Amino acid sequence: MNNTTRLVVAAALVYGTFRLAKFLWSKDAANSAAKSQFTYRKWTKREISQYTGANNQPILIALDGKVYDVSLGRGFYGPGCAYNVFAGRDASRLLAKQEFDDGMTDAELDAPIDNLHDLTEEDREALDSYIGLFSVKYHCVGELVEP
């Protein structure tokens, strides 16, 4: 990949992240004052998989080892919404690479936590942007751990 292509990809990534952040922050800024129903604890992938927003349940998303209660973002992460594919799972790799898949599988739940060692610098920057956004907008309710 030549430098021009890298620059275009990086600019598109930054622009997309900015647009997402602007959109999320513009939605009910008072949400940041709301409290989570969870206390800080250790979570396994199977435990957070129970919190996808189905049946009006809370929504949890893990990013780089931290678990966030994103229930205040139900309009984005809730059932039937655009980003529901990230709900109830470790979405680190998907968000870093800005990919969507068909949803969580048993194989994903049974696999070890992704150490993300093979992310490119651009992927890592994208993930760090999402972590910054989640840290400001949502409550961190724990750490993702192996069972």
C-alpha atoms as a PDB file:
ATOM      1  CA  MET A   1       0.000   0.000   0.000  1.00  0.00           C
ATOM      2  CA  ASN A   2       1.526   3.321  -1.023  1.00  0.00           C
ATOM      3  CA  ASN A   3       1.609   6.445   1.162  1.00  0.00           C
ATOM      4  CA  THR A   4      -1.254   8.138  -0.666  1.00  0.00           C
ATOM      5  CA  THR A   5      -3.525   5.142  -0.142  1.00  0.00           C
ATOM      6  CA  ARG A   6      -2.549   4.980   3.530  1.00  0.00           C
ATOM      7  CA  LEU A   7      -3.300   8.668   3.932  1.00  0.00           C
ATOM      8  CA  VAL A   8      -6.720   8.291   2.293  1.00  0.00           C
ATOM      9  CA  VAL A   9      -7.564   5.259   4.453  1.00  0.00           C
ATOM     10  CA  ALA A  10      -6.416   7.044   7.622  1.00  0.00           C
ATOM     11  CA  ALA A  11      -8.407  10.157   6.731  1.00  0.00           C
ATOM     12  CA  ALA A  12     -11.520   8.083   6.059  1.00  0.00           C
ATOM     13  CA  LEU A  13     -11.050   6.270   9.360  1.00  0.00           C
ATOM     14  CA  VAL A  14     -10.642   9.513  11.299  1.00  0.00           C
ATOM     15  CA  TYR A  15     -13.626  11.079   9.542  1.00  0.00           C
ATOM     16  CA  GLY A  16     -15.824   8.028  10.201  1.00  0.00           C
ATOM     17  CA  THR A  17     -14.812   7.941  13.856  1.00  0.00           C
ATOM     18  CA  PHE A  18     -15.473  11.679  14.185  1.00  0.00           C
ATOM     19  CA  ARG A  19     -18.928  11.332  12.612  1.00  0.00           C
ATOM     20  CA  LEU A  20     -19.790   8.426  14.916  1.00  0.00           C
ATOM     21  CA  ALA A  21     -18.538  10.295  17.985  1.00  0.00           C
ATOM     22  CA  LYS A  22     -20.427  13.445  17.028  1.00  0.00           C
ATOM     23  CA  PHE A  23     -23.602  11.455  16.442  1.00  0.00           C
ATOM     24  CA  LEU A  24     -23.312   9.531  19.712  1.00  0.00           C
ATOM     25  CA  TRP A  25     -22.450  12.597  21.781  1.00  0.00           C
ATOM     26  CA  SER A  26     -25.318  14.571  20.323  1.00  0.00           C
ATOM     27  CA  LYS A  27     -27.803  11.947  21.519  1.00  0.00           C
ATOM     28  CA  ASP A  28     -28.961  12.928  25.001  1.00  0.00           C
ATOM     29  CA  ALA A  29     -25.821  14.364  26.583  1.00  0.00           C
ATOM     30  CA  ALA A  30     -27.498  14.020  29.988  1.00  0.00           C
ATOM     31  CA  ASN A  31     -26.901  10.278  29.756  1.00  0.00           C
ATOM     32  CA  SER A  32     -23.404  10.690  31.141  1.00  0.00           C
ATOM     33  CA  ALA A  33     -24.859  11.574  34.555  1.00  0.00           C
ATOM     34  CA  ALA A  34     -26.960   8.396  34.758  1.00  0.00           C
ATOM     35  CA  LYS A  35     -25.726   5.526  36.905  1.00  0.00           C
ATOM     36  CA  SER A  36     -25.245   1.939  35.835  1.00  0.00           C
ATOM     37  CA  GLN A  37     -27.107  -0.803  37.663  1.00  0.00           C
ATOM     38  CA  PHE A  38     -23.890  -2.842  37.755  1.00  0.00           C
ATOM     39  CA  THR A  39     -21.056  -2.631  40.234  1.00  0.00           C
ATOM     40  CA  TYR A  40     -17.495  -2.997  38.995  1.00  0.00           C
ATOM     41  CA  ARG A  41     -16.541  -6.678  38.744  1.00  0.00           C
ATOM     42  CA  LYS A  42     -14.897  -9.330  36.588  1.00  0.00           C
ATOM     43  CA  TRP A  43     -16.916 -10.664  33.638  1.00  0.00           C
ATOM     44  CA  THR A  44     -16.469 -13.636  31.315  1.00  0.00           C
ATOM     45  CA  LYS A  45     -17.519 -13.576  27.675  1.00  0.00           C
ATOM     46  CA  ARG A  46     -20.419 -15.919  28.478  1.00  0.00           C
ATOM     47  CA  GLU A  47     -21.627 -13.599  31.245  1.00  0.00           C
ATOM     48  CA  ILE A  48     -21.665 -10.486  29.083  1.00  0.00           C
ATOM     49  CA  SER A  49     -23.332 -12.454  26.268  1.00  0.00           C
ATOM     50  CA  GLN A  50     -26.503 -12.441  28.377  1.00  0.00           C
ATOM     51  CA  TYR A  51     -26.725  -8.643  28.100  1.00  0.00           C
ATOM     52  CA  THR A  52     -27.674  -7.821  24.512  1.00  0.00           C
ATOM     53  CA  GLY A  53     -30.663  -5.642  25.292  1.00  0.00           C
ATOM     54  CA  ALA A  54     -33.178  -8.399  24.485  1.00  0.00           C
ATOM     55  CA  ASN A  55     -36.354  -8.258  26.586  1.00  0.00           C
ATOM     56  CA  ASN A  56     -35.356  -4.777  27.759  1.00  0.00           C
ATOM     57  CA  GLN A  57     -32.257  -6.158  29.507  1.00  0.00           C
ATOM     58  CA  PRO A  58     -29.118  -4.001  29.913  1.00  0.00           C
ATOM     59  CA  ILE A  59     -26.498  -3.959  27.161  1.00  0.00           C
ATOM     60  CA  LEU A  60     -22.821  -4.701  27.800  1.00  0.00           C
ATOM     61  CA  ILE A  61     -19.909  -4.391  25.375  1.00  0.00           C
ATOM     62  CA  ALA A  62     -16.273  -5.285  26.074  1.00  0.00           C
ATOM     63  CA  LEU A  63     -13.415  -3.275  24.571  1.00  0.00           C
ATOM     64  CA  ASP A  64      -9.779  -4.164  25.108  1.00  0.00           C
ATOM     65  CA  GLY A  65     -10.390  -5.926  28.399  1.00  0.00           C
ATOM     66  CA  LYS A  66     -12.893  -3.466  29.881  1.00  0.00           C
ATOM     67  CA  VAL A  67     -16.666  -4.021  30.033  1.00  0.00           C
ATOM     68  CA  TYR A  68     -18.994  -1.066  29.457  1.00  0.00           C
ATOM     69  CA  ASP A  69     -22.685  -0.715  30.246  1.00  0.00           C
ATOM     70  CA  VAL A  70     -23.956   0.883  27.031  1.00  0.00           C
ATOM     71  CA  SER A  71     -27.642   0.590  27.951  1.00  0.00           C
ATOM     72  CA  LEU A  72     -27.983   4.364  27.602  1.00  0.00           C
ATOM     73  CA  GLY A  73     -27.162   3.856  23.919  1.00  0.00           C
ATOM     74  CA  ARG A  74     -30.070   1.442  23.396  1.00  0.00           C
ATOM     75  CA  GLY A  75     -30.982   3.354  20.228  1.00  0.00           C
ATOM     76  CA  PHE A  76     -27.647   2.258  18.732  1.00  0.00           C
ATOM     77  CA  TYR A  77     -26.868  -1.077  20.389  1.00  0.00           C
ATOM     78  CA  GLY A  78     -30.337  -2.426  21.216  1.00  0.00           C
ATOM     79  CA  PRO A  79     -32.162  -5.201  19.330  1.00  0.00           C
ATOM     80  CA  GLY A  80     -32.875  -4.249  15.743  1.00  0.00           C
ATOM     81  CA  CYS A  81     -30.477  -1.290  15.829  1.00  0.00           C
ATOM     82  CA  ALA A  82     -27.491  -0.697  13.574  1.00  0.00           C
ATOM     83  CA  TYR A  83     -24.802  -1.594  16.128  1.00  0.00           C
ATOM     84  CA  ASN A  84     -26.573  -4.445  17.933  1.00  0.00           C
ATOM     85  CA  VAL A  85     -24.010  -6.860  16.485  1.00  0.00           C
ATOM     86  CA  PHE A  86     -21.550  -5.483  19.088  1.00  0.00           C
ATOM     87  CA  ALA A  87     -23.893  -6.006  22.064  1.00  0.00           C
ATOM     88  CA  GLY A  88     -23.111  -8.687  24.617  1.00  0.00           C
ATOM     89  CA  ARG A  89     -19.627  -9.442  23.343  1.00  0.00           C
ATOM     90  CA  ASP A  90     -16.017  -8.414  23.100  1.00  0.00           C
ATOM     91  CA  ALA A  91     -16.276  -6.043  20.163  1.00  0.00           C
ATOM     92  CA  SER A  92     -12.625  -4.960  20.219  1.00  0.00           C
ATOM     93  CA  ARG A  93     -11.503  -6.503  16.922  1.00  0.00           C
ATOM     94  CA  LEU A  94     -14.716  -5.621  15.093  1.00  0.00           C
ATOM     95  CA  LEU A  95     -14.547  -1.961  16.100  1.00  0.00           C
ATOM     96  CA  ALA A  96     -10.793  -1.736  15.524  1.00  0.00           C
ATOM     97  CA  LYS A  97     -11.233  -2.989  11.979  1.00  0.00           C
ATOM     98  CA  GLN A  98     -14.634  -1.309  11.590  1.00  0.00           C
ATOM     99  CA  GLU A  99     -16.212  -4.593  10.559  1.00  0.00           C
ATOM    100  CA  PHE A 100     -19.618  -6.100  11.059  1.00  0.00           C
ATOM    101  CA  ASP A 101     -20.258  -9.818  11.187  1.00  0.00           C
ATOM    102  CA  ASP A 102     -23.305 -12.061  11.496  1.00  0.00           C
ATOM    103  CA  GLY A 103     -23.247 -12.005  15.302  1.00  0.00           C
ATOM    104  CA  MET A 104     -21.743 -13.916  18.157  1.00  0.00           C
ATOM    105  CA  THR A 105     -21.150 -17.657  17.851  1.00  0.00           C
ATOM    106  CA  ASP A 106     -20.495 -20.414  20.385  1.00  0.00           C
ATOM    107  CA  ALA A 107     -17.000 -20.753  18.915  1.00  0.00           C
ATOM    108  CA  GLU A 108     -16.351 -17.091  19.760  1.00  0.00           C
ATOM    109  CA  LEU A 109     -17.615 -17.589  23.312  1.00  0.00           C
ATOM    110  CA  ASP A 110     -15.417 -20.652  23.794  1.00  0.00           C
ATOM    111  CA  ALA A 111     -12.276 -19.065  22.321  1.00  0.00           C
ATOM    112  CA  PRO A 112      -9.728 -17.324  24.563  1.00  0.00           C
ATOM    113  CA  ILE A 113      -9.992 -13.555  24.883  1.00  0.00           C
ATOM    114  CA  ASP A 114      -8.472 -11.960  21.789  1.00  0.00           C
ATOM    115  CA  ASN A 115      -5.126 -10.384  22.712  1.00  0.00           C
ATOM    116  CA  LEU A 116      -5.290  -8.128  19.623  1.00  0.00           C
ATOM    117  CA  HIS A 117      -1.536  -8.528  19.076  1.00  0.00           C
ATOM    118  CA  ASP A 118      -1.852  -8.465  15.298  1.00  0.00           C
ATOM    119  CA  LEU A 119      -3.740  -5.176  14.957  1.00  0.00           C
ATOM    120  CA  THR A 120      -2.144  -2.630  12.661  1.00  0.00           C
ATOM    121  CA  GLU A 121      -1.292   0.826  13.935  1.00  0.00           C
ATOM    122  CA  GLU A 122      -4.387   2.182  12.169  1.00  0.00           C
ATOM    123  CA  ASP A 123      -6.564  -0.515  13.756  1.00  0.00           C
ATOM    124  CA  ARG A 124      -5.161   0.285  17.195  1.00  0.00           C
ATOM    125  CA  GLU A 125      -5.843   3.999  16.708  1.00  0.00           C
ATOM    126  CA  ALA A 126      -9.430   3.243  15.708  1.00  0.00           C
ATOM    127  CA  LEU A 127      -9.913   1.013  18.760  1.00  0.00           C
ATOM    128  CA  ASP A 128      -8.394   3.657  21.033  1.00  0.00           C
ATOM    129  CA  SER A 129     -10.868   6.196  19.625  1.00  0.00           C
ATOM    130  CA  TYR A 130     -13.773   3.932  20.518  1.00  0.00           C
ATOM    131  CA  ILE A 131     -12.342   3.296  23.983  1.00  0.00           C
ATOM    132  CA  GLY A 132     -12.108   7.059  24.504  1.00  0.00           C
ATOM    133  CA  LEU A 133     -15.689   7.506  23.358  1.00  0.00           C
ATOM    134  CA  PHE A 134     -17.008   4.679  25.555  1.00  0.00           C
ATOM    135  CA  SER A 135     -15.014   5.960  28.540  1.00  0.00           C
ATOM    136  CA  VAL A 136     -16.695   9.349  28.279  1.00  0.00           C
ATOM    137  CA  LYS A 137     -20.201   8.270  27.335  1.00  0.00           C
ATOM    138  CA  TYR A 138     -20.733   4.996  29.250  1.00  0.00           C
ATOM    139  CA  HIS A 139     -19.874   3.445  32.593  1.00  0.00           C
ATOM    140  CA  CYS A 140     -17.070   0.918  32.801  1.00  0.00           C
ATOM    141  CA  VAL A 141     -18.531  -1.906  34.887  1.00  0.00           C
ATOM    142  CA  GLY A 142     -15.601  -4.277  35.006  1.00  0.00           C
ATOM    143  CA  GLU A 143     -12.886  -6.285  33.346  1.00  0.00           C
ATOM    144  CA  LEU A 144     -13.164  -9.098  30.825  1.00  0.00           C
ATOM    145  CA  VAL A 145     -11.504 -12.241  32.177  1.00  0.00           C
ATOM    146  CA  GLU A 146     -11.133 -15.884  31.233  1.00  0.00           C
ATOM    147  CA  PRO A 147     -13.516 -18.301  33.012  1.00  0.00           C
END
